[in-house]
Amino acid sequence: MLYRYSAVTRSGSKLTGEIVAASRSSVLDDLHKLGHLPVEVIESNRAALDGGSRSRSFFSSKPSAHQVTLFTRELAMLLKAGLPLDQSLKFLEKDARSKKLARLIGQVGDQIGNGKSFHEALEAQGQAFPPVYASMVRVAEASGTLETVLECIAQGREKAQKLRSKVLSEMLYPAMLIAMAIAAVTIMLTFVVPRFKQMIVQAGTEMPDQARMVIAASDWLLANGQFVAVSLLCLVLAIVFAWQQGLGRQQIESLLLRLPLIGNILRLNLTIRFCRTLGMLLDNGVELPEAIKLLRDVIANRFAAQYLDQSYDALRKGKSFLEPISHSGLFPPVVISMLRVGEETGSLTTSLFHMADMFEEKLETSVQRTLTIFEPVIILLVGAFIAGIIISILGAVISINDLAI
């Protein structure tokens, strides 16, 4: 959930912002750990922004995830070159190609000018900077390794975005096939079939059953086309709204993860995000309990989040965080085994990065194989459906010619 808070810093200045957390008490705990005195914590009516950072709309006032990644990379380069943080932000604000990004950088610079730390300024920007981003910056400020951590954040975001782009590119062709198939069938039923219908009816012959069914479907679509279009639009909007509000989301995610081909891709993607994000957090000094807590909000899967909550509780009781995860069935057994070895040998971070790299390659292969299966299946189904319409109409036309003879 998204919470809006106001607090008083150690220096006595007022701090306001938004933070994603499991509950109001979690927000209070986080503020106390940062040394702030909470004044007010309320649930924000902008909770629907839970998925906003992953898919920005055209009308969003925040820059895209790609622009934030570019800003992170350039800021790390300027800090490595020896420029102070405030001057680097001013330079990037002037050089920003996007008005949204320039506005965001300006807001961060203003927050720092008012006495806030960099991570506090990032947290005040809501969902533009995820909680993981701000937490890693907070640790980096405390350890004096801000430029190194920013470079690590940029690398992690670039890898995630590159992988997402590859998957979307692979899915583009099947999506176009499905869209063209729907368009072809709609054109056949609304333009082609009615013309043949008029000829068949005027001939006064008895139509074959298949032709009668096709013509009936065409008549129904012509009579209810507007209703169907509006209903589909309302259904899509209702699904999007319910998904953003979390209505039945956990059950749907659980069902999708159990599907034969799609479920395998989703589980691989979940494994990569889990390993990559947890490895980045641990590598940059975030303690394991806090990293698990942050990972819950980043993983973007409520079905998986319940097991991460159990992992967090296990850590608080002095147990291994891998026990609840191993019983979830979300991750391949080799991941659990490798992480258990890494936990015992003190090389957990290395094991996480190794697993992330290995499963990225496996995900690309799985996506290509799955779509290689889907593409001919879609073509065959569409061809068979259109061929059935054509054969049905031709059968009626042939019967007219037979009657004339």
Protein backbone atom coordinates (compact mmCIF):
# COMPACT_ATOMS: atom_id res chain seq x y z
CA MET A 1 0.00 0.00 0.00
CA LEU A 2 1.06 3.60 -0.56
CA TYR A 3 1.24 5.82 2.54
CA ARG A 4 1.69 9.57 2.80
CA TYR A 5 3.68 10.70 5.82
CA SER A 6 4.90 13.83 7.57
CA ALA A 7 7.69 13.78 10.13
CA VAL A 8 10.25 15.95 11.90
CA THR A 9 13.95 15.36 11.21
CA ARG A 10 16.74 15.48 13.76
CA SER A 11 17.53 19.05 12.72
CA GLY A 12 13.93 20.09 13.42
CA SER A 13 12.82 20.55 9.81
CA LYS A 14 9.56 19.14 8.50
CA LEU A 15 9.70 16.16 6.13
CA THR A 16 6.83 14.97 3.94
CA GLY A 17 6.63 12.27 1.31
CA GLU A 18 5.18 8.94 0.27
CA ILE A 19 6.38 5.41 0.90
CA VAL A 20 5.23 1.92 -0.08
CA ALA A 21 4.83 -0.43 2.89
CA ALA A 22 2.82 -3.43 4.01
CA SER A 23 1.16 -1.54 6.87
CA ARG A 24 1.10 1.76 8.73
CA SER A 25 3.23 0.30 11.53
CA SER A 26 5.90 -0.59 8.97
CA VAL A 27 6.06 3.06 7.88
CA LEU A 28 6.41 4.17 11.49
CA ASP A 29 9.23 1.65 12.06
CA ASP A 30 11.05 2.84 8.94
CA LEU A 31 10.79 6.48 9.96
CA HIS A 32 12.08 5.71 13.46
CA LYS A 33 15.04 3.79 12.00
CA LEU A 34 15.89 6.83 9.87
CA GLY A 35 15.92 8.99 12.99
CA HIS A 36 12.73 10.90 12.17
CA LEU A 37 9.82 11.68 14.48
CA PRO A 38 6.56 10.70 12.72
CA VAL A 39 3.79 13.29 12.91
CA GLU A 40 1.18 11.77 10.60
CA VAL A 41 0.96 8.60 8.48
CA ILE A 42 -2.13 8.06 6.35
CA GLU A 43 -2.99 5.71 3.51
CA SER A 44 -2.71 7.55 0.21
CA ASN A 45 -5.55 7.53 -2.30
CA ARG A 46 -2.86 7.11 -4.91
CA ALA A 47 -2.41 3.45 -4.09
CA ALA A 48 -3.23 2.66 -7.67
CA LEU A 49 0.25 3.89 -8.49
CA ASP A 50 1.52 0.54 -7.27
CA GLY A 51 2.09 -0.51 -10.85
CA GLY A 52 2.77 2.96 -12.21
CA SER A 53 6.53 2.84 -12.03
CA ARG A 54 6.51 -0.27 -14.21
CA SER A 55 4.17 1.06 -16.90
CA ARG A 56 3.95 4.81 -17.08
CA SER A 57 0.99 6.22 -18.88
CA PHE A 58 1.26 8.91 -21.49
CA PHE A 59 -0.35 11.44 -19.17
CA SER A 60 1.84 10.67 -16.14
CA SER A 61 3.59 13.63 -14.53
CA LYS A 62 6.61 11.47 -13.74
CA PRO A 63 9.37 10.52 -16.19
CA SER A 64 9.63 6.99 -17.57
CA ALA A 65 11.71 4.26 -15.94
CA HIS A 66 14.21 4.50 -18.80
CA GLN A 67 14.70 8.22 -18.17
CA VAL A 68 15.27 7.63 -14.45
CA THR A 69 17.86 4.97 -15.32
CA LEU A 70 19.65 7.39 -17.66
CA PHE A 71 19.60 10.06 -14.95
CA THR A 72 21.12 7.58 -12.48
CA ARG A 73 23.89 6.60 -14.90
CA GLU A 74 24.79 10.23 -15.71
CA LEU A 75 24.69 11.29 -12.06
CA ALA A 76 27.10 8.47 -11.14
CA MET A 77 29.48 9.62 -13.91
CA LEU A 78 29.42 13.24 -12.74
CA LEU A 79 30.01 12.28 -9.10
CA LYS A 80 32.93 10.05 -10.14
CA ALA A 81 34.36 13.03 -12.04
CA GLY A 82 34.46 14.96 -8.76
CA LEU A 83 31.44 17.27 -9.09
CA PRO A 84 29.42 17.91 -5.90
CA LEU A 85 25.93 16.48 -5.74
CA ASP A 86 24.08 19.82 -5.95
CA GLN A 87 26.08 20.98 -8.98
CA SER A 88 25.59 17.61 -10.68
CA LEU A 89 21.83 17.87 -10.23
CA LYS A 90 21.75 21.40 -11.63
CA PHE A 91 23.79 20.32 -14.64
CA LEU A 92 21.52 17.33 -15.31
CA GLU A 93 18.40 19.49 -14.88
CA LYS A 94 19.60 21.89 -17.58
CA ASP A 95 20.73 19.05 -19.86
CA ALA A 96 17.56 16.94 -19.46
CA ARG A 97 15.82 16.22 -22.77
CA SER A 98 12.47 15.64 -21.06
CA LYS A 99 10.49 18.32 -19.25
CA LYS A 100 9.20 15.67 -16.84
CA LEU A 101 12.73 14.57 -15.97
CA ALA A 102 13.94 18.16 -15.62
CA ARG A 103 11.05 18.91 -13.27
CA LEU A 104 11.81 15.82 -11.20
CA ILE A 105 15.53 16.64 -10.92
CA GLY A 106 14.64 20.20 -9.97
CA GLN A 107 12.36 18.94 -7.18
CA VAL A 108 15.13 16.68 -5.85
CA GLY A 109 17.58 19.61 -5.95
CA ASP A 110 15.12 21.86 -4.11
CA GLN A 111 14.64 19.24 -1.38
CA ILE A 112 18.41 18.98 -0.91
CA GLY A 113 18.67 22.77 -0.86
CA ASN A 114 16.13 22.80 1.99
CA GLY A 115 18.42 20.64 4.11
CA LYS A 116 17.24 17.14 3.30
CA SER A 117 19.59 14.30 2.47
CA PHE A 118 19.64 12.80 -1.01
CA HIS A 119 17.67 9.69 -0.06
CA GLU A 120 15.05 11.81 1.74
CA ALA A 121 14.70 13.93 -1.39
CA LEU A 122 14.21 10.77 -3.46
CA GLU A 123 11.60 9.37 -1.06
CA ALA A 124 9.67 12.63 -1.29
CA GLN A 125 9.15 12.07 -5.04
CA GLY A 126 6.72 9.19 -4.50
CA GLN A 127 6.91 6.35 -7.02
CA ALA A 128 9.41 8.02 -9.37
CA PHE A 129 12.14 6.35 -7.30
CA PRO A 130 11.24 2.89 -5.92
CA PRO A 131 11.84 2.14 -2.21
CA VAL A 132 14.81 -0.09 -3.14
CA TYR A 133 16.44 2.84 -4.94
CA ALA A 134 16.07 5.20 -1.98
CA SER A 135 17.20 2.58 0.55
CA MET A 136 20.38 1.80 -1.39
CA VAL A 137 21.13 5.52 -1.65
CA ARG A 138 20.58 5.89 2.12
CA VAL A 139 23.15 3.16 2.81
CA ALA A 140 25.52 4.67 0.24
CA GLU A 141 25.33 8.11 1.87
CA ALA A 142 26.18 6.59 5.23
CA SER A 143 29.17 4.69 3.81
CA GLY A 144 30.40 7.41 1.45
CA THR A 145 30.04 5.27 -1.70
CA LEU A 146 27.24 7.15 -3.44
CA GLU A 147 28.74 7.17 -6.94
CA THR A 148 29.52 3.43 -6.80
CA VAL A 149 26.05 2.54 -5.59
CA LEU A 150 24.38 4.76 -8.19
CA GLU A 151 26.38 2.99 -10.89
CA CYS A 152 25.26 -0.37 -9.47
CA ILE A 153 21.63 0.78 -9.45
CA ALA A 154 21.93 1.93 -13.06
CA GLN A 155 23.44 -1.40 -14.13
CA GLY A 156 20.69 -3.37 -12.41
CA ARG A 157 17.92 -1.25 -13.94
CA GLU A 158 19.54 -1.43 -17.39
CA LYS A 159 19.69 -5.23 -17.24
CA ALA A 160 16.07 -5.46 -16.14
CA GLN A 161 14.91 -3.07 -18.86
CA LYS A 162 16.97 -4.84 -21.52
CA LEU A 163 15.45 -8.18 -20.57
CA ARG A 164 11.95 -6.70 -20.56
CA SER A 165 12.53 -5.17 -24.01
CA LYS A 166 13.68 -8.53 -25.40
CA VAL A 167 10.61 -10.32 -24.06
CA LEU A 168 8.27 -7.64 -25.42
CA SER A 169 9.99 -7.77 -28.81
CA GLU A 170 9.54 -11.54 -28.94
CA MET A 171 5.84 -11.17 -28.06
CA LEU A 172 5.19 -8.45 -30.65
CA TYR A 173 4.80 -10.78 -33.66
CA PRO A 174 2.31 -13.21 -32.00
CA ALA A 175 0.34 -10.22 -30.71
CA MET A 176 0.16 -8.80 -34.23
CA LEU A 177 -0.96 -12.18 -35.55
CA ILE A 178 -3.81 -12.34 -33.03
CA ALA A 179 -4.86 -8.73 -33.78
CA MET A 180 -4.82 -9.37 -37.54
CA ALA A 181 -6.78 -12.59 -37.07
CA ILE A 182 -9.51 -10.82 -35.11
CA ALA A 183 -9.60 -8.06 -37.74
CA ALA A 184 -9.78 -10.59 -40.61
CA VAL A 185 -12.66 -12.54 -39.04
CA THR A 186 -14.53 -9.31 -38.22
CA ILE A 187 -14.19 -8.06 -41.82
CA MET A 188 -15.35 -11.43 -43.17
CA LEU A 189 -18.46 -11.44 -40.98
CA THR A 190 -19.39 -7.75 -41.38
CA PHE A 191 -18.57 -7.07 -45.05
CA VAL A 192 -18.04 -10.26 -47.06
CA VAL A 193 -20.72 -12.57 -45.64
CA PRO A 194 -23.61 -10.02 -45.91
CA ARG A 195 -22.99 -9.63 -49.66
CA PHE A 196 -23.17 -13.36 -50.26
CA LYS A 197 -26.20 -13.57 -47.97
CA GLN A 198 -28.16 -11.19 -50.19
CA MET A 199 -27.38 -13.29 -53.26
CA ILE A 200 -28.30 -16.56 -51.52
CA VAL A 201 -31.58 -15.20 -50.12
CA GLN A 202 -32.64 -13.83 -53.52
CA ALA A 203 -32.00 -17.22 -55.11
CA GLY A 204 -34.55 -18.78 -52.73
CA THR A 205 -32.54 -21.99 -52.21
CA GLU A 206 -32.24 -23.89 -48.97
CA MET A 207 -28.93 -23.04 -47.32
CA PRO A 208 -26.61 -25.69 -45.84
CA ASP A 209 -26.44 -25.79 -42.05
CA GLN A 210 -22.88 -24.45 -41.96
CA ALA A 211 -23.77 -21.48 -44.16
CA ARG A 212 -26.84 -20.79 -42.02
CA MET A 213 -24.68 -20.69 -38.87
CA VAL A 214 -22.13 -18.33 -40.46
CA ILE A 215 -24.86 -15.98 -41.71
CA ALA A 216 -26.54 -16.04 -38.28
CA ALA A 217 -23.24 -15.10 -36.65
CA SER A 218 -22.82 -12.28 -39.18
CA ASP A 219 -26.35 -10.96 -38.52
CA TRP A 220 -25.78 -11.05 -34.75
CA LEU A 221 -22.47 -9.21 -35.03
CA LEU A 222 -23.98 -6.53 -37.27
CA ALA A 223 -26.91 -6.05 -34.89
CA ASN A 224 -24.83 -6.05 -31.68
CA GLY A 225 -21.45 -4.76 -32.87
CA GLN A 226 -21.58 -1.50 -30.89
CA PHE A 227 -22.72 -3.32 -27.76
CA VAL A 228 -19.87 -5.85 -28.12
CA ALA A 229 -17.29 -3.08 -28.59
CA VAL A 230 -18.51 -1.12 -25.54
CA SER A 231 -18.73 -4.29 -23.45
CA LEU A 232 -15.16 -5.30 -24.33
CA LEU A 233 -13.90 -1.81 -23.48
CA CYS A 234 -15.71 -1.86 -20.13
CA LEU A 235 -14.37 -5.35 -19.41
CA VAL A 236 -10.78 -4.26 -20.09
CA LEU A 237 -11.18 -1.16 -17.88
CA ALA A 238 -12.75 -3.26 -15.12
CA ILE A 239 -9.89 -5.78 -15.26
CA VAL A 240 -7.28 -2.99 -15.12
CA PHE A 241 -9.05 -1.30 -12.21
CA ALA A 242 -9.46 -4.56 -10.29
CA TRP A 243 -5.80 -5.43 -10.90
CA GLN A 244 -4.58 -2.06 -9.64
CA GLN A 245 -6.80 -2.27 -6.58
CA GLY A 246 -5.65 -5.83 -5.88
CA LEU A 247 -9.12 -7.40 -6.21
CA GLY A 248 -8.48 -11.10 -6.76
CA ARG A 249 -4.94 -10.33 -7.87
CA GLN A 250 -3.29 -12.91 -5.65
CA GLN A 251 -5.56 -15.68 -6.92
CA ILE A 252 -4.98 -14.70 -10.56
CA GLU A 253 -1.21 -14.57 -10.09
CA SER A 254 -1.28 -17.97 -8.43
CA LEU A 255 -3.27 -19.38 -11.37
CA LEU A 256 -0.96 -17.85 -13.99
CA LEU A 257 2.13 -19.26 -12.28
CA ARG A 258 0.65 -22.77 -12.58
CA LEU A 259 -0.06 -22.61 -16.33
CA PRO A 260 2.13 -24.97 -18.44
CA LEU A 261 4.10 -22.60 -20.71
CA ILE A 262 3.26 -19.09 -19.53
CA GLY A 263 3.68 -20.11 -15.89
CA ASN A 264 7.23 -21.28 -16.54
CA ILE A 265 8.13 -17.90 -18.10
CA LEU A 266 6.57 -16.01 -15.20
CA ARG A 267 8.42 -18.12 -12.62
CA LEU A 268 11.74 -17.57 -14.41
CA ASN A 269 11.11 -13.82 -14.51
CA LEU A 270 10.22 -13.87 -10.81
CA THR A 271 13.42 -15.78 -10.02
CA ILE A 272 15.56 -13.24 -11.90
CA ARG A 273 13.99 -10.25 -10.17
CA PHE A 274 14.30 -11.91 -6.78
CA CYS A 275 17.96 -12.83 -7.21
CA ARG A 276 19.04 -9.62 -8.96
CA THR A 277 17.32 -7.22 -6.56
CA LEU A 278 18.28 -9.08 -3.37
CA GLY A 279 21.87 -9.36 -4.59
CA MET A 280 22.05 -5.61 -5.29
CA LEU A 281 20.67 -4.75 -1.87
CA LEU A 282 23.04 -7.05 0.01
CA ASP A 283 26.02 -6.01 -2.13
CA ASN A 284 25.44 -2.37 -1.21
CA GLY A 285 25.23 -2.83 2.52
CA VAL A 286 21.52 -3.32 3.17
CA GLU A 287 20.91 -5.83 5.96
CA LEU A 288 19.17 -9.07 4.97
CA PRO A 289 15.94 -8.51 6.99
CA GLU A 290 15.51 -5.01 5.55
CA ALA A 291 16.37 -6.30 2.06
CA ILE A 292 13.66 -8.97 2.29
CA LYS A 293 11.20 -6.34 3.46
CA LEU A 294 12.03 -4.06 0.52
CA LEU A 295 11.99 -6.96 -1.91
CA ARG A 296 8.37 -7.66 -1.01
CA ASP A 297 7.28 -4.38 -2.59
CA VAL A 298 9.59 -4.67 -5.60
CA ILE A 299 8.72 -8.25 -6.57
CA ALA A 300 5.32 -7.05 -7.89
CA ASN A 301 3.64 -10.38 -7.17
CA ARG A 302 1.29 -10.66 -4.21
CA PHE A 303 1.31 -14.44 -4.27
CA ALA A 304 5.11 -14.39 -3.85
CA ALA A 305 4.91 -11.52 -1.35
CA GLN A 306 3.18 -13.71 1.24
CA TYR A 307 6.16 -16.09 1.24
CA LEU A 308 8.57 -13.16 1.54
CA ASP A 309 6.61 -12.05 4.61
CA GLN A 310 7.15 -15.52 6.04
CA SER A 311 10.86 -15.26 5.21
CA TYR A 312 11.05 -11.95 7.07
CA ASP A 313 9.33 -13.49 10.10
CA ALA A 314 11.74 -16.45 9.95
CA LEU A 315 14.73 -14.09 10.04
CA ARG A 316 13.32 -12.29 13.06
CA LYS A 317 13.07 -15.67 14.82
CA GLY A 318 16.69 -16.51 13.97
CA LYS A 319 15.85 -19.05 11.27
CA SER A 320 16.92 -19.28 7.64
CA PHE A 321 14.97 -17.08 5.25
CA LEU A 322 15.08 -19.85 2.64
CA GLU A 323 12.76 -22.26 4.45
CA PRO A 324 9.44 -20.53 3.57
CA ILE A 325 10.66 -19.83 0.02
CA SER A 326 11.65 -23.47 -0.54
CA HIS A 327 8.09 -24.57 0.29
CA SER A 328 6.48 -22.05 -2.08
CA GLY A 329 7.38 -23.87 -5.29
CA LEU A 330 8.02 -20.50 -6.97
CA PHE A 331 11.72 -20.98 -7.56
CA PRO A 332 13.57 -23.93 -9.14
CA PRO A 333 15.21 -26.31 -6.63
CA VAL A 334 18.68 -25.42 -7.95
CA VAL A 335 18.13 -21.80 -6.83
CA ILE A 336 17.27 -22.85 -3.30
CA SER A 337 20.24 -25.22 -3.16
CA MET A 338 22.71 -22.63 -4.45
CA LEU A 339 21.43 -19.94 -2.10
CA ARG A 340 21.55 -22.33 0.85
CA VAL A 341 25.21 -23.06 0.04
CA GLY A 342 25.85 -19.32 -0.33
CA GLU A 343 24.19 -18.63 3.00
CA GLU A 344 26.29 -21.24 4.78
CA THR A 345 29.58 -20.18 3.17
CA GLY A 346 29.01 -16.42 3.43
CA SER A 347 28.84 -15.95 -0.34
CA LEU A 348 25.09 -15.34 -0.64
CA THR A 349 25.49 -12.19 -2.76
CA THR A 350 27.73 -13.97 -5.28
CA SER A 351 25.27 -16.86 -5.52
CA LEU A 352 22.36 -14.46 -6.12
CA PHE A 353 24.11 -12.68 -8.98
CA HIS A 354 25.19 -16.00 -10.50
CA MET A 355 21.62 -17.32 -10.40
CA ALA A 356 20.27 -14.09 -11.93
CA ASP A 357 22.71 -14.26 -14.86
CA MET A 358 22.07 -17.96 -15.45
CA PHE A 359 18.28 -17.65 -15.46
CA GLU A 360 18.30 -14.58 -17.70
CA GLU A 361 19.72 -16.74 -20.48
CA LYS A 362 17.23 -19.49 -19.66
CA LEU A 363 14.33 -17.04 -19.77
CA GLU A 364 15.29 -15.78 -23.24
CA THR A 365 15.46 -19.36 -24.50
CA SER A 366 12.10 -20.27 -22.92
CA VAL A 367 10.37 -17.22 -24.43
CA GLN A 368 11.72 -18.02 -27.90
CA ARG A 369 10.67 -21.68 -27.67
CA THR A 370 7.20 -20.85 -26.34
CA LEU A 371 6.51 -18.27 -29.04
CA THR A 372 7.92 -20.62 -31.67
CA ILE A 373 5.16 -23.05 -30.65
CA PHE A 374 2.44 -20.40 -30.46
CA GLU A 375 3.04 -18.76 -33.84
CA PRO A 376 2.18 -21.74 -36.10
CA VAL A 377 -0.71 -22.70 -33.80
CA ILE A 378 -2.21 -19.21 -34.15
CA ILE A 379 -1.74 -19.26 -37.93
CA LEU A 380 -3.35 -22.69 -38.24
CA LEU A 381 -6.34 -21.78 -36.04
CA VAL A 382 -6.96 -18.52 -37.89
CA GLY A 383 -6.56 -20.22 -41.27
CA ALA A 384 -8.94 -22.99 -40.28
CA PHE A 385 -11.55 -20.53 -39.00
CA ILE A 386 -11.46 -18.34 -42.11
CA ALA A 387 -11.40 -21.39 -44.36
CA GLY A 388 -14.50 -22.69 -42.57
CA ILE A 389 -16.35 -19.43 -43.28
CA ILE A 390 -15.31 -19.43 -46.94
CA ILE A 391 -16.22 -23.10 -47.46
CA SER A 392 -19.62 -22.58 -45.81
CA ILE A 393 -20.48 -19.63 -48.06
CA LEU A 394 -19.13 -21.34 -51.19
CA GLY A 395 -21.24 -24.37 -50.36
CA ALA A 396 -24.37 -22.21 -50.46
CA VAL A 397 -23.26 -20.53 -53.71
CA ILE A 398 -22.60 -23.92 -55.33
CA SER A 399 -26.06 -25.08 -54.33
CA ILE A 400 -27.50 -22.09 -56.21
CA ASN A 401 -25.58 -23.05 -59.34
CA ASP A 402 -26.76 -26.65 -59.05
CA LEU A 403 -30.34 -25.44 -58.81
CA ALA A 404 -29.92 -23.27 -61.90
CA ILE A 405 -28.61 -26.25 -63.87
